N, C-alpha and C. Protein backbone atom coordinates (compact mmCIF):
# COMPACT_ATOMS: atom_id res chain seq x y z
N UNK A 1 11.07 -66.08 126.49
CA UNK A 1 10.55 -66.87 125.38
C UNK A 1 9.06 -66.57 125.24
N UNK A 2 8.62 -66.49 124.00
CA UNK A 2 7.21 -66.24 123.74
C UNK A 2 6.42 -67.52 123.98
N UNK A 3 5.30 -67.40 124.67
CA UNK A 3 4.52 -68.58 125.00
C UNK A 3 3.61 -69.00 123.86
N UNK A 4 3.40 -68.14 122.89
CA UNK A 4 2.58 -68.45 121.74
C UNK A 4 3.44 -68.25 120.50
N UNK A 5 3.15 -68.98 119.45
CA UNK A 5 3.95 -68.88 118.23
C UNK A 5 3.44 -67.75 117.36
N UNK A 6 4.36 -66.91 116.95
CA UNK A 6 4.08 -65.83 116.02
C UNK A 6 5.07 -65.98 114.87
N UNK A 7 4.60 -65.85 113.67
CA UNK A 7 5.45 -66.04 112.50
C UNK A 7 6.53 -64.96 112.37
N UNK A 8 6.18 -63.73 112.70
CA UNK A 8 7.07 -62.60 112.45
C UNK A 8 7.63 -61.95 113.71
N UNK A 9 7.35 -62.50 114.86
CA UNK A 9 7.75 -61.85 116.12
C UNK A 9 8.62 -62.79 116.93
N UNK A 10 9.64 -62.21 117.52
CA UNK A 10 10.55 -62.99 118.35
C UNK A 10 11.01 -62.11 119.51
N UNK A 11 11.72 -62.69 120.42
CA UNK A 11 12.38 -61.96 121.51
C UNK A 11 13.77 -62.55 121.64
N UNK A 12 14.76 -61.68 121.63
CA UNK A 12 16.15 -62.12 121.71
C UNK A 12 16.83 -61.44 122.89
N UNK A 13 17.48 -62.24 123.71
CA UNK A 13 18.23 -61.68 124.83
C UNK A 13 19.27 -60.70 124.30
N UNK A 14 19.31 -59.53 124.89
CA UNK A 14 20.28 -58.53 124.49
C UNK A 14 19.83 -57.59 123.37
N UNK A 15 18.67 -57.85 122.82
CA UNK A 15 18.12 -56.98 121.77
C UNK A 15 16.84 -56.35 122.31
N UNK A 16 16.84 -55.02 122.40
CA UNK A 16 15.69 -54.27 122.92
C UNK A 16 15.26 -54.80 124.29
N UNK A 17 16.24 -55.08 125.11
CA UNK A 17 16.02 -55.58 126.48
C UNK A 17 15.21 -56.87 126.53
N UNK A 18 15.32 -57.67 125.48
CA UNK A 18 14.63 -58.96 125.44
C UNK A 18 13.14 -58.84 125.18
N UNK A 19 12.70 -57.66 124.80
CA UNK A 19 11.27 -57.46 124.50
C UNK A 19 10.94 -57.97 123.10
N UNK A 20 9.67 -58.13 122.84
CA UNK A 20 9.21 -58.63 121.54
C UNK A 20 9.59 -57.65 120.43
N UNK A 21 10.17 -58.20 119.37
CA UNK A 21 10.57 -57.41 118.20
C UNK A 21 10.08 -58.12 116.94
N UNK A 22 10.08 -57.38 115.85
CA UNK A 22 9.79 -57.99 114.56
C UNK A 22 11.04 -58.75 114.14
N UNK A 23 10.87 -60.02 113.82
CA UNK A 23 12.00 -60.89 113.49
C UNK A 23 12.84 -60.28 112.38
N UNK A 24 14.16 -60.33 112.55
CA UNK A 24 15.09 -59.81 111.57
C UNK A 24 15.31 -58.31 111.66
N UNK A 25 14.71 -57.67 112.67
CA UNK A 25 14.86 -56.23 112.86
C UNK A 25 15.13 -55.95 114.33
N UNK A 26 15.28 -54.69 114.66
CA UNK A 26 15.34 -54.24 116.05
C UNK A 26 14.09 -53.43 116.38
N UNK A 27 13.08 -53.52 115.53
CA UNK A 27 11.84 -52.76 115.71
C UNK A 27 10.97 -53.47 116.75
N UNK A 28 10.69 -52.76 117.82
CA UNK A 28 9.87 -53.33 118.88
C UNK A 28 8.40 -53.40 118.50
N UNK A 29 7.76 -54.46 118.93
CA UNK A 29 6.32 -54.58 118.70
C UNK A 29 5.61 -53.38 119.32
N UNK A 30 6.10 -52.90 120.46
CA UNK A 30 5.46 -51.75 121.09
C UNK A 30 5.66 -50.48 120.28
N UNK A 31 6.75 -50.39 119.48
CA UNK A 31 6.94 -49.25 118.59
C UNK A 31 5.82 -49.20 117.55
N UNK A 32 5.56 -50.34 116.96
CA UNK A 32 4.53 -50.45 115.92
C UNK A 32 3.15 -50.22 116.52
N UNK A 33 2.85 -50.92 117.61
CA UNK A 33 1.54 -50.79 118.24
C UNK A 33 1.29 -49.36 118.71
N UNK A 34 2.31 -48.73 119.25
CA UNK A 34 2.17 -47.36 119.71
C UNK A 34 1.79 -46.41 118.59
N UNK A 35 2.39 -46.62 117.42
CA UNK A 35 2.05 -45.77 116.27
C UNK A 35 0.59 -45.94 115.88
N UNK A 36 0.14 -47.19 115.80
CA UNK A 36 -1.25 -47.46 115.40
C UNK A 36 -2.22 -46.91 116.44
N UNK A 37 -1.90 -47.12 117.70
CA UNK A 37 -2.79 -46.63 118.77
C UNK A 37 -2.86 -45.11 118.80
N UNK A 38 -1.83 -44.45 118.27
CA UNK A 38 -1.82 -42.99 118.23
C UNK A 38 -2.32 -42.45 116.89
N UNK A 39 -2.97 -43.30 116.11
CA UNK A 39 -3.66 -42.83 114.91
C UNK A 39 -3.04 -43.15 113.58
N UNK A 40 -1.87 -43.79 113.57
CA UNK A 40 -1.24 -44.14 112.29
C UNK A 40 -1.98 -45.31 111.66
N UNK A 41 -2.09 -45.28 110.34
CA UNK A 41 -2.66 -46.42 109.62
C UNK A 41 -1.57 -47.48 109.42
N UNK A 42 -1.99 -48.65 108.99
CA UNK A 42 -1.02 -49.71 108.69
C UNK A 42 -0.05 -49.21 107.62
N UNK A 43 -0.58 -48.53 106.60
CA UNK A 43 0.28 -47.99 105.55
C UNK A 43 1.24 -46.93 106.08
N UNK A 44 0.80 -46.11 107.03
CA UNK A 44 1.69 -45.13 107.66
C UNK A 44 2.87 -45.83 108.34
N UNK A 45 2.58 -46.92 109.03
CA UNK A 45 3.64 -47.66 109.73
C UNK A 45 4.64 -48.23 108.73
N UNK A 46 4.12 -48.81 107.64
CA UNK A 46 5.01 -49.38 106.62
C UNK A 46 5.86 -48.28 105.98
N UNK A 47 5.29 -47.11 105.79
CA UNK A 47 6.09 -46.00 105.25
C UNK A 47 7.18 -45.56 106.25
N UNK A 48 6.85 -45.59 107.53
CA UNK A 48 7.82 -45.20 108.56
C UNK A 48 8.91 -46.26 108.76
N UNK A 49 8.53 -47.51 108.58
CA UNK A 49 9.46 -48.64 108.73
C UNK A 49 9.44 -49.43 107.42
N UNK A 50 10.14 -48.97 106.38
CA UNK A 50 10.05 -49.62 105.07
C UNK A 50 10.51 -51.08 105.04
N UNK A 51 11.22 -51.51 106.07
CA UNK A 51 11.64 -52.92 106.10
C UNK A 51 10.50 -53.84 106.55
N UNK A 52 9.40 -53.27 107.03
CA UNK A 52 8.27 -54.09 107.49
C UNK A 52 7.25 -54.29 106.38
N UNK A 53 6.60 -55.44 106.44
CA UNK A 53 5.49 -55.72 105.54
C UNK A 53 4.18 -55.45 106.28
N UNK A 54 3.12 -55.35 105.53
CA UNK A 54 1.80 -55.17 106.15
C UNK A 54 1.49 -56.36 107.07
N UNK A 55 1.86 -57.56 106.64
CA UNK A 55 1.61 -58.76 107.46
C UNK A 55 2.32 -58.65 108.81
N UNK A 56 3.55 -58.14 108.81
CA UNK A 56 4.28 -57.98 110.06
C UNK A 56 3.61 -56.96 110.97
N UNK A 57 3.10 -55.88 110.39
CA UNK A 57 2.42 -54.87 111.19
C UNK A 57 1.13 -55.45 111.79
N UNK A 58 0.37 -56.16 110.98
CA UNK A 58 -0.84 -56.79 111.51
C UNK A 58 -0.52 -57.78 112.62
N UNK A 59 0.57 -58.53 112.46
CA UNK A 59 0.94 -59.47 113.51
C UNK A 59 1.37 -58.75 114.78
N UNK A 60 2.03 -57.60 114.63
CA UNK A 60 2.36 -56.80 115.81
C UNK A 60 1.09 -56.42 116.56
N UNK A 61 0.05 -56.08 115.82
CA UNK A 61 -1.20 -55.69 116.47
C UNK A 61 -1.88 -56.91 117.12
N UNK A 62 -1.74 -58.07 116.51
CA UNK A 62 -2.27 -59.29 117.14
C UNK A 62 -1.51 -59.57 118.43
N UNK A 63 -0.19 -59.41 118.39
CA UNK A 63 0.62 -59.60 119.59
C UNK A 63 0.20 -58.60 120.66
N UNK A 64 -0.01 -57.36 120.24
CA UNK A 64 -0.47 -56.33 121.17
C UNK A 64 -1.76 -56.78 121.86
N UNK A 65 -2.72 -57.25 121.10
CA UNK A 65 -4.00 -57.69 121.68
C UNK A 65 -3.81 -58.85 122.66
N UNK A 66 -2.88 -59.75 122.35
CA UNK A 66 -2.63 -60.91 123.22
C UNK A 66 -1.83 -60.55 124.47
N UNK A 67 -1.14 -59.40 124.46
CA UNK A 67 -0.27 -58.99 125.57
C UNK A 67 -0.50 -57.53 125.94
N UNK A 68 -1.76 -57.16 125.96
CA UNK A 68 -2.15 -55.76 126.09
C UNK A 68 -1.57 -55.06 127.32
N UNK A 69 -1.62 -55.68 128.48
CA UNK A 69 -1.12 -55.03 129.70
C UNK A 69 0.37 -54.69 129.58
N UNK A 70 1.16 -55.66 129.16
CA UNK A 70 2.60 -55.45 128.99
C UNK A 70 2.87 -54.38 127.93
N UNK A 71 2.18 -54.47 126.81
CA UNK A 71 2.39 -53.53 125.71
C UNK A 71 1.97 -52.11 126.09
N UNK A 72 0.84 -51.99 126.78
CA UNK A 72 0.39 -50.66 127.20
C UNK A 72 1.41 -49.99 128.11
N UNK A 73 2.03 -50.76 128.99
CA UNK A 73 3.05 -50.21 129.87
C UNK A 73 4.27 -49.73 129.07
N UNK A 74 4.72 -50.55 128.12
CA UNK A 74 5.87 -50.17 127.29
C UNK A 74 5.56 -48.95 126.43
N UNK A 75 4.36 -48.90 125.90
CA UNK A 75 3.96 -47.74 125.07
C UNK A 75 3.89 -46.49 125.92
N UNK A 76 3.34 -46.60 127.10
CA UNK A 76 3.27 -45.43 128.00
C UNK A 76 4.66 -44.94 128.36
N UNK A 77 5.58 -45.86 128.65
CA UNK A 77 6.97 -45.48 128.95
C UNK A 77 7.61 -44.78 127.77
N UNK A 78 7.36 -45.32 126.58
CA UNK A 78 7.92 -44.75 125.37
C UNK A 78 7.39 -43.33 125.15
N UNK A 79 6.11 -43.15 125.34
CA UNK A 79 5.50 -41.83 125.16
C UNK A 79 6.06 -40.83 126.17
N UNK A 80 6.43 -41.32 127.34
CA UNK A 80 6.99 -40.46 128.39
C UNK A 80 8.50 -40.23 128.18
N UNK A 81 9.07 -40.89 127.17
CA UNK A 81 10.49 -40.71 126.89
C UNK A 81 11.40 -41.60 127.70
N UNK A 82 10.85 -42.64 128.30
CA UNK A 82 11.65 -43.52 129.16
C UNK A 82 12.05 -44.81 128.47
N UNK A 83 11.79 -44.93 127.16
CA UNK A 83 12.15 -46.15 126.44
C UNK A 83 13.65 -46.16 126.20
N UNK A 84 14.22 -47.37 126.06
CA UNK A 84 15.67 -47.48 125.81
C UNK A 84 15.92 -46.94 124.47
């Protein structure tokens, strides 16, 4: 369960290993944050994930800032090819 309230982010048991996702999708917050950290603009992310709004992408980045250690680990795993 998320300890802070986010309008567009949730975590569901059995979806993406219970990690934070954008509500109504299977898109992981770490997927979005990883793209931005690797140089993608907010608009690039929205083009890559057309079901996301700019507000959802910005909230993913806010979540990233609030959970940086956890997110950095997930992003590093993903970059290494170890993501589910």
